[in-house]
N, C-alpha and C. Protein backbone atom coordinates (compact mmCIF):
# COMPACT_ATOMS: atom_id res chain seq x y z
N UNK A 1 11.65 5.46 36.69
CA UNK A 1 11.38 4.13 37.45
C UNK A 1 12.12 4.06 38.74
N UNK A 2 13.50 4.41 38.73
CA UNK A 2 14.27 4.36 39.82
C UNK A 2 13.82 5.33 40.91
N UNK A 3 13.41 6.60 40.41
CA UNK A 3 12.90 7.64 41.37
C UNK A 3 11.54 7.21 41.97
N UNK A 4 10.72 6.50 41.20
CA UNK A 4 9.36 6.17 41.73
C UNK A 4 9.48 5.17 42.85
N UNK A 5 10.51 4.29 42.73
CA UNK A 5 10.78 3.12 43.66
C UNK A 5 11.35 3.79 44.91
N UNK A 6 12.30 4.72 44.63
CA UNK A 6 12.85 5.34 45.94
C UNK A 6 11.83 6.13 46.68
N UNK A 7 10.99 6.78 45.94
CA UNK A 7 9.90 7.61 46.56
C UNK A 7 9.03 6.81 47.36
N UNK A 8 8.62 5.60 46.72
CA UNK A 8 7.78 4.61 47.37
C UNK A 8 8.37 4.21 48.67
N UNK A 9 9.69 3.81 48.62
CA UNK A 9 10.50 3.22 49.84
C UNK A 9 10.53 4.36 50.84
N UNK A 10 10.67 5.63 50.50
CA UNK A 10 10.80 6.65 51.44
C UNK A 10 9.58 6.99 52.13
N UNK A 11 8.44 6.93 51.35
CA UNK A 11 7.06 7.21 51.94
C UNK A 11 6.76 5.95 52.97
N UNK A 12 7.04 4.86 52.67
CA UNK A 12 6.70 3.71 53.60
C UNK A 12 7.67 3.69 54.74
N UNK A 13 8.87 4.12 54.58
CA UNK A 13 9.72 4.34 55.69
C UNK A 13 9.35 5.36 56.56
N UNK A 14 8.72 6.41 56.13
CA UNK A 14 8.25 7.57 56.97
C UNK A 14 7.04 7.11 57.70
N UNK A 15 6.33 6.04 57.37
CA UNK A 15 5.22 5.60 58.12
C UNK A 15 5.65 4.85 59.41
N UNK A 16 6.90 4.36 59.19
CA UNK A 16 7.37 3.63 60.35
C UNK A 16 8.46 4.34 61.11
N UNK A 17 8.60 5.64 60.84
CA UNK A 17 9.73 6.46 61.31
C UNK A 17 9.64 6.67 62.80
N UNK A 18 8.41 6.50 63.32
CA UNK A 18 8.16 6.77 64.79
C UNK A 18 8.45 5.54 65.51
N UNK A 19 8.99 4.56 64.96
CA UNK A 19 9.28 3.25 65.58
C UNK A 19 10.04 3.45 66.97
N UNK A 20 9.43 2.78 68.01
CA UNK A 20 9.99 2.74 69.38
C UNK A 20 11.06 1.63 69.51
N UNK A 21 10.67 0.57 68.78
CA UNK A 21 11.64 -0.57 68.87
C UNK A 21 12.61 -0.54 67.89
N UNK A 22 13.86 -0.48 68.17
CA UNK A 22 14.89 -0.46 67.09
C UNK A 22 15.11 -1.69 66.25
N UNK A 23 14.67 -2.82 66.85
CA UNK A 23 14.71 -4.05 66.12
C UNK A 23 13.58 -4.10 65.11
N UNK A 24 12.27 -3.64 65.40
CA UNK A 24 11.45 -3.60 64.31
C UNK A 24 11.82 -2.57 63.10
N UNK A 25 12.32 -1.52 63.55
CA UNK A 25 12.79 -0.57 62.35
C UNK A 25 13.95 -1.14 61.63
N UNK A 26 14.89 -1.96 62.22
CA UNK A 26 16.07 -2.45 61.52
C UNK A 26 15.48 -3.56 60.48
N UNK A 27 14.56 -4.33 61.05
CA UNK A 27 13.94 -5.41 60.17
C UNK A 27 13.20 -4.80 58.93
N UNK A 28 12.53 -3.70 59.25
CA UNK A 28 11.82 -3.09 58.08
C UNK A 28 12.86 -2.54 57.11
N UNK A 29 13.81 -1.86 57.56
CA UNK A 29 14.79 -1.21 56.59
C UNK A 29 15.41 -2.27 55.87
N UNK A 30 15.81 -3.37 56.39
CA UNK A 30 16.53 -4.40 55.79
C UNK A 30 15.63 -5.11 54.71
N UNK A 31 14.36 -5.39 55.05
CA UNK A 31 13.43 -5.87 54.10
C UNK A 31 13.21 -4.98 52.88
N UNK A 32 13.02 -3.64 53.25
CA UNK A 32 12.94 -2.64 52.29
C UNK A 32 13.97 -2.54 51.34
N UNK A 33 15.25 -2.65 51.69
CA UNK A 33 16.43 -2.62 51.01
C UNK A 33 16.46 -3.89 50.06
N UNK A 34 16.11 -5.03 50.68
CA UNK A 34 16.20 -6.28 50.00
C UNK A 34 15.19 -6.13 48.73
N UNK A 35 13.91 -5.57 49.05
CA UNK A 35 12.90 -5.49 47.95
C UNK A 35 13.42 -4.51 46.94
N UNK A 36 14.01 -3.45 47.37
CA UNK A 36 14.42 -2.51 46.42
C UNK A 36 15.61 -3.05 45.58
N UNK A 37 16.56 -3.69 46.07
CA UNK A 37 17.69 -4.37 45.38
C UNK A 37 17.13 -5.32 44.34
N UNK A 38 16.21 -6.18 44.62
CA UNK A 38 15.70 -7.09 43.81
C UNK A 38 14.93 -6.38 42.69
N UNK A 39 14.25 -5.36 42.98
CA UNK A 39 13.43 -4.72 42.00
C UNK A 39 14.33 -4.06 41.00
N UNK A 40 15.39 -3.46 41.44
CA UNK A 40 16.30 -2.72 40.54
C UNK A 40 17.00 -3.65 39.55
N UNK A 41 17.24 -4.94 40.07
CA UNK A 41 17.85 -5.94 39.38
C UNK A 41 17.07 -6.49 38.15
N UNK A 42 15.69 -6.39 38.26
CA UNK A 42 14.89 -6.97 37.10
C UNK A 42 14.08 -5.75 36.59
N UNK A 43 14.33 -4.55 36.77
CA UNK A 43 13.64 -3.33 36.33
C UNK A 43 13.58 -3.43 34.80
N UNK A 44 12.36 -2.91 34.34
CA UNK A 44 12.09 -2.86 32.78
C UNK A 44 13.11 -1.81 32.33
N UNK A 45 13.28 -1.93 31.05
CA UNK A 45 14.26 -1.03 30.32
C UNK A 45 13.83 0.53 30.52
N UNK A 46 14.74 1.38 30.61
CA UNK A 46 14.30 2.76 30.75
C UNK A 46 13.53 3.12 29.40
N UNK A 47 12.51 3.99 29.56
CA UNK A 47 11.67 4.33 28.52
C UNK A 47 10.59 3.44 28.14
N UNK A 48 10.41 2.33 28.84
CA UNK A 48 9.30 1.43 28.45
C UNK A 48 8.00 2.22 28.77
N UNK A 49 6.97 1.59 28.24
CA UNK A 49 5.57 2.31 28.49
C UNK A 49 5.06 2.15 29.85
N UNK A 50 4.22 3.11 30.04
CA UNK A 50 3.68 3.23 31.46
C UNK A 50 2.85 1.90 31.96
N UNK A 51 2.24 1.25 31.05
CA UNK A 51 1.66 -0.03 31.56
C UNK A 51 2.64 -0.93 32.04
N UNK A 52 3.74 -1.25 31.40
CA UNK A 52 4.81 -2.13 31.76
C UNK A 52 5.36 -1.64 33.15
N UNK A 53 5.53 -0.49 33.26
CA UNK A 53 6.16 0.04 34.59
C UNK A 53 5.09 -0.09 35.65
N UNK A 54 3.76 0.01 35.39
CA UNK A 54 2.84 -0.12 36.49
C UNK A 54 2.63 -1.72 36.70
N UNK A 55 2.89 -2.56 35.83
CA UNK A 55 2.67 -3.92 36.14
C UNK A 55 3.93 -4.39 36.89
N UNK A 56 5.19 -3.81 36.62
CA UNK A 56 6.27 -4.00 37.35
C UNK A 56 6.31 -3.60 38.78
N UNK A 57 5.58 -2.38 38.97
CA UNK A 57 5.71 -1.89 40.40
C UNK A 57 4.65 -2.35 41.29
N UNK A 58 3.62 -3.00 40.77
CA UNK A 58 2.45 -3.38 41.51
C UNK A 58 2.88 -4.49 42.59
N UNK A 59 3.58 -5.48 42.20
CA UNK A 59 4.04 -6.49 43.24
C UNK A 59 5.11 -5.88 44.27
N UNK A 60 5.93 -4.97 43.71
CA UNK A 60 6.92 -4.41 44.53
C UNK A 60 6.23 -3.42 45.61
N UNK A 61 5.17 -2.75 45.16
CA UNK A 61 4.39 -1.97 46.12
C UNK A 61 3.72 -2.69 47.06
N UNK A 62 3.19 -4.01 46.66
CA UNK A 62 2.52 -4.89 47.66
C UNK A 62 3.51 -5.41 48.65
N UNK A 63 4.69 -5.71 48.28
CA UNK A 63 5.66 -6.30 49.17
C UNK A 63 6.15 -5.26 50.04
N UNK A 64 6.35 -4.01 49.72
CA UNK A 64 6.60 -2.98 50.68
C UNK A 64 5.68 -2.61 51.69
N UNK A 65 4.39 -2.64 51.09
CA UNK A 65 3.10 -2.53 52.09
C UNK A 65 3.14 -3.63 53.14
N UNK A 66 3.47 -4.85 52.70
CA UNK A 66 3.58 -6.04 53.62
C UNK A 66 4.69 -5.80 54.59
N UNK A 67 5.78 -5.37 54.14
CA UNK A 67 6.98 -5.04 55.06
C UNK A 67 6.58 -4.02 56.07
N UNK A 68 5.87 -2.93 55.72
CA UNK A 68 5.54 -1.91 56.58
C UNK A 68 4.38 -2.46 57.63
N UNK A 69 3.49 -3.24 57.14
CA UNK A 69 2.44 -3.88 57.87
C UNK A 69 3.10 -4.81 58.99
N UNK A 70 4.12 -5.48 58.61
CA UNK A 70 4.93 -6.35 59.43
C UNK A 70 5.66 -5.46 60.63
N UNK A 71 6.26 -4.53 60.14
CA UNK A 71 6.83 -3.52 61.16
C UNK A 71 5.83 -2.95 62.20
N UNK A 72 4.61 -2.46 61.64
CA UNK A 72 3.72 -1.76 62.56
C UNK A 72 3.35 -2.88 63.44
N UNK A 73 3.08 -4.21 63.07
CA UNK A 73 2.70 -5.20 63.93
C UNK A 73 3.80 -5.62 64.92
N UNK A 74 4.92 -5.45 64.59
CA UNK A 74 6.12 -5.74 65.51
C UNK A 74 6.04 -4.58 66.50
N UNK A 75 5.75 -3.31 66.15
CA UNK A 75 5.78 -2.11 67.04
C UNK A 75 4.60 -2.47 68.09
N UNK A 76 3.38 -2.76 67.54
CA UNK A 76 2.25 -3.07 68.50
C UNK A 76 2.71 -4.13 69.39
N UNK A 77 3.21 -5.25 69.02
CA UNK A 77 3.46 -6.34 69.83
C UNK A 77 4.61 -5.95 70.91
N UNK A 78 5.43 -5.02 70.65
CA UNK A 78 6.49 -4.76 71.62
C UNK A 78 6.00 -3.72 72.56
N UNK A 79 4.84 -3.13 72.52
CA UNK A 79 4.40 -2.10 73.34
C UNK A 79 3.59 -2.83 74.51
N UNK A 80 3.77 -2.40 75.77
CA UNK A 80 3.10 -3.06 76.85
C UNK A 80 1.56 -2.80 76.64
N UNK A 81 0.76 -3.81 77.14
CA UNK A 81 -0.72 -3.66 77.10
C UNK A 81 -1.15 -2.75 78.10
N UNK A 82 -2.34 -2.26 77.87
CA UNK A 82 -3.06 -1.21 78.76
C UNK A 82 -3.26 -1.94 80.12
N UNK A 83 -2.98 -1.24 81.21
CA UNK A 83 -3.12 -1.96 82.53
C UNK A 83 -2.11 -2.62 83.01
N UNK A 84 -0.97 -2.93 82.21
CA UNK A 84 0.18 -3.68 82.64
C UNK A 84 1.01 -2.84 83.50
N UNK A 85 1.84 -3.43 84.35
CA UNK A 85 2.72 -2.65 85.28
C UNK A 85 3.61 -1.69 84.43
N UNK A 86 4.04 -2.05 83.28
CA UNK A 86 4.86 -1.34 82.47
C UNK A 86 4.10 0.06 81.91
N UNK A 87 2.86 -0.31 81.60
CA UNK A 87 2.05 0.84 80.94
C UNK A 87 1.75 1.80 82.04
N UNK A 88 1.48 1.29 83.38
CA UNK A 88 1.18 2.11 84.39
C UNK A 88 2.37 3.02 84.77
N UNK A 89 3.69 2.32 84.88
CA UNK A 89 4.78 3.10 85.19
C UNK A 89 5.02 4.18 84.14
N UNK A 90 4.84 3.95 82.83
CA UNK A 90 4.86 4.89 81.77
C UNK A 90 3.90 5.92 81.99
N UNK A 91 2.73 5.68 82.32
CA UNK A 91 1.83 6.80 82.52
C UNK A 91 2.12 7.66 83.76
N UNK A 92 2.71 7.08 84.82
CA UNK A 92 3.05 7.85 85.94
C UNK A 92 4.32 8.69 85.49
N UNK A 93 5.28 8.24 84.67
CA UNK A 93 6.33 9.05 84.33
C UNK A 93 5.84 10.32 83.42
N UNK A 94 4.83 9.98 82.64
CA UNK A 94 4.23 11.12 81.73
C UNK A 94 3.62 12.12 82.64
N UNK A 95 2.87 11.63 83.60
CA UNK A 95 2.14 12.67 84.48
C UNK A 95 3.14 13.45 85.29
N UNK A 96 4.30 12.74 85.72
CA UNK A 96 5.29 13.54 86.28
C UNK A 96 5.90 14.63 85.42
N UNK A 97 6.20 14.16 84.20
CA UNK A 97 6.74 15.22 83.27
C UNK A 97 5.69 16.41 83.04
N UNK A 98 4.57 16.13 83.01
CA UNK A 98 3.36 17.30 82.84
C UNK A 98 3.32 18.09 83.97
N UNK A 99 3.29 17.34 85.17
CA UNK A 99 3.33 18.15 86.45
C UNK A 99 4.46 19.02 86.60
N UNK A 100 5.66 18.63 86.32
CA UNK A 100 6.84 19.36 86.54
C UNK A 100 6.72 20.64 85.61
N UNK A 101 6.34 20.34 84.46
CA UNK A 101 6.29 21.56 83.43
C UNK A 101 5.20 22.51 83.78
N UNK A 102 4.09 21.96 84.23
CA UNK A 102 3.07 22.93 84.68
C UNK A 102 3.49 23.82 85.89
N UNK A 103 4.15 23.12 86.89
CA UNK A 103 4.63 23.84 88.04
C UNK A 103 5.64 24.96 87.59
N UNK A 104 6.53 24.54 86.65
CA UNK A 104 7.59 25.64 86.17
C UNK A 104 6.98 26.77 85.34
N UNK A 105 5.89 26.43 84.57
CA UNK A 105 5.19 27.52 83.94
C UNK A 105 4.44 28.47 84.96
N UNK A 106 3.89 27.81 85.96
CA UNK A 106 3.14 28.68 87.00
C UNK A 106 4.08 29.46 87.73
N UNK A 107 5.37 29.08 87.96
CA UNK A 107 6.28 29.95 88.60
C UNK A 107 6.71 31.00 87.71
N UNK A 108 6.88 30.71 86.37
CA UNK A 108 7.18 31.67 85.51
C UNK A 108 6.24 32.76 85.34
N UNK A 109 4.83 32.39 85.39
CA UNK A 109 3.70 33.42 85.33
C UNK A 109 3.78 34.27 86.52
N UNK A 110 4.07 33.78 87.71
CA UNK A 110 4.07 34.49 89.01
C UNK A 110 5.26 35.55 88.80
N UNK A 111 6.36 35.27 88.08
CA UNK A 111 7.41 36.31 88.07
C UNK A 111 7.09 37.34 87.03
N UNK A 112 6.23 37.11 86.07
CA UNK A 112 5.87 38.16 85.11
C UNK A 112 5.10 39.20 85.78
N UNK A 113 5.44 40.39 85.59
CA UNK A 113 4.74 41.59 86.12
C UNK A 113 3.32 41.65 85.71
N UNK A 114 2.40 42.04 86.61
CA UNK A 114 1.04 42.11 86.26
C UNK A 114 0.65 43.30 85.49
N UNK A 115 1.24 44.32 85.58
CA UNK A 115 1.04 45.50 84.76
C UNK A 115 1.56 45.24 83.31
N UNK A 116 1.53 46.04 82.44
CA UNK A 116 1.99 45.93 81.08
C UNK A 116 3.49 45.47 80.97
N UNK A 117 3.76 44.26 80.71
CA UNK A 117 5.16 43.95 80.59
C UNK A 117 5.74 44.50 79.25
N UNK A 118 7.07 44.76 79.46
CA UNK A 118 7.64 45.35 78.17
C UNK A 118 7.96 44.28 77.18
N UNK A 119 8.51 44.84 76.00
CA UNK A 119 8.84 43.90 74.98
C UNK A 119 9.85 42.81 75.33
N UNK A 120 10.91 43.19 76.03
CA UNK A 120 11.97 42.38 76.44
C UNK A 120 11.50 41.32 77.52
N UNK A 121 10.54 41.72 78.36
CA UNK A 121 9.97 40.87 79.48
C UNK A 121 9.16 39.79 78.75
N UNK A 122 8.30 40.17 77.69
CA UNK A 122 7.58 39.26 76.96
C UNK A 122 8.36 38.29 76.21
N UNK A 123 9.33 38.81 75.68
CA UNK A 123 10.33 38.01 74.71
C UNK A 123 10.92 36.85 75.73
N UNK A 124 11.49 37.26 76.88
CA UNK A 124 12.11 36.34 77.81
C UNK A 124 11.14 35.36 78.28
N UNK A 125 9.82 35.78 78.55
CA UNK A 125 8.71 35.00 79.11
C UNK A 125 8.59 33.85 78.04
N UNK A 126 8.43 34.31 76.75
CA UNK A 126 8.17 33.31 75.67
C UNK A 126 9.27 32.30 75.56
N UNK A 127 10.53 32.81 75.48
CA UNK A 127 11.63 31.88 75.42
C UNK A 127 11.61 30.94 76.55
N UNK A 128 11.45 31.33 77.83
CA UNK A 128 11.37 30.51 78.87
C UNK A 128 10.31 29.54 78.78
N UNK A 129 9.15 29.92 78.41
CA UNK A 129 8.00 29.02 78.27
C UNK A 129 8.33 28.01 77.15
N UNK A 130 8.85 28.44 76.11
CA UNK A 130 9.26 27.47 74.95
C UNK A 130 10.12 26.55 75.44
N UNK A 131 11.22 26.87 76.26
CA UNK A 131 12.29 25.99 76.79
C UNK A 131 11.63 24.96 77.57
N UNK A 132 10.54 25.32 78.54
CA UNK A 132 9.99 24.41 79.41
C UNK A 132 9.03 23.33 78.72
N UNK A 133 8.41 23.92 77.61
CA UNK A 133 7.48 23.09 76.82
C UNK A 133 8.32 21.95 75.99
N UNK A 134 9.49 22.60 75.60
CA UNK A 134 10.37 21.51 74.80
C UNK A 134 10.95 20.45 75.71
N UNK A 135 11.34 20.93 77.05
CA UNK A 135 11.79 19.93 77.94
C UNK A 135 10.68 19.01 78.40
N UNK A 136 9.48 19.37 78.40
CA UNK A 136 8.35 18.50 78.65
C UNK A 136 8.24 17.50 77.63
N UNK A 137 8.27 17.86 76.21
CA UNK A 137 8.17 16.90 75.27
C UNK A 137 9.23 15.92 75.31
N UNK A 138 10.61 16.37 75.44
CA UNK A 138 11.59 15.45 75.60
C UNK A 138 11.36 14.49 76.67
N UNK A 139 10.80 14.96 77.72
CA UNK A 139 10.60 14.14 78.92
C UNK A 139 9.50 13.19 78.61
N UNK A 140 8.44 13.53 78.04
CA UNK A 140 7.41 12.63 77.60
C UNK A 140 7.88 11.46 76.57
N UNK A 141 8.71 11.92 75.68
CA UNK A 141 9.29 11.06 74.73
C UNK A 141 10.01 9.95 75.37
N UNK A 142 10.87 10.31 76.34
CA UNK A 142 11.64 9.32 77.04
C UNK A 142 10.81 8.44 78.11
N UNK A 143 9.66 8.92 78.42
CA UNK A 143 8.84 8.28 79.43
C UNK A 143 8.12 7.11 78.74
N UNK A 144 7.89 7.33 77.50
CA UNK A 144 7.33 6.16 76.82
C UNK A 144 8.04 5.13 76.51
């Protein structure tokens, strides 16, 4: 029973793990912890039949779903609307990240020999390209 409840909480927490707003995430985690505490305080005896456990878990599952829905709504409300100055600024920052990465990859390709590059040259190219793409993803994450 304890493991089922912990698994359910973990799965619901994972759905809100991409939370941009720390306040929304903190509220969800607090609500989830409260629901879990209350559930463990009145859990049926270990070894009780499956039907009793299912009846016990149904309202808990519904409460956790409601908490997750509230967190998702909080996230949606905290995001700027499309066309707003904040959304336009974020789009411009994202485009700048993409342009910078594309420019660096183009420069990297120009340095790669046109004839058959050796193993070490290919490895160095792939490492540099991966580093540039990782930097682009970090930049995009911060731009939002």
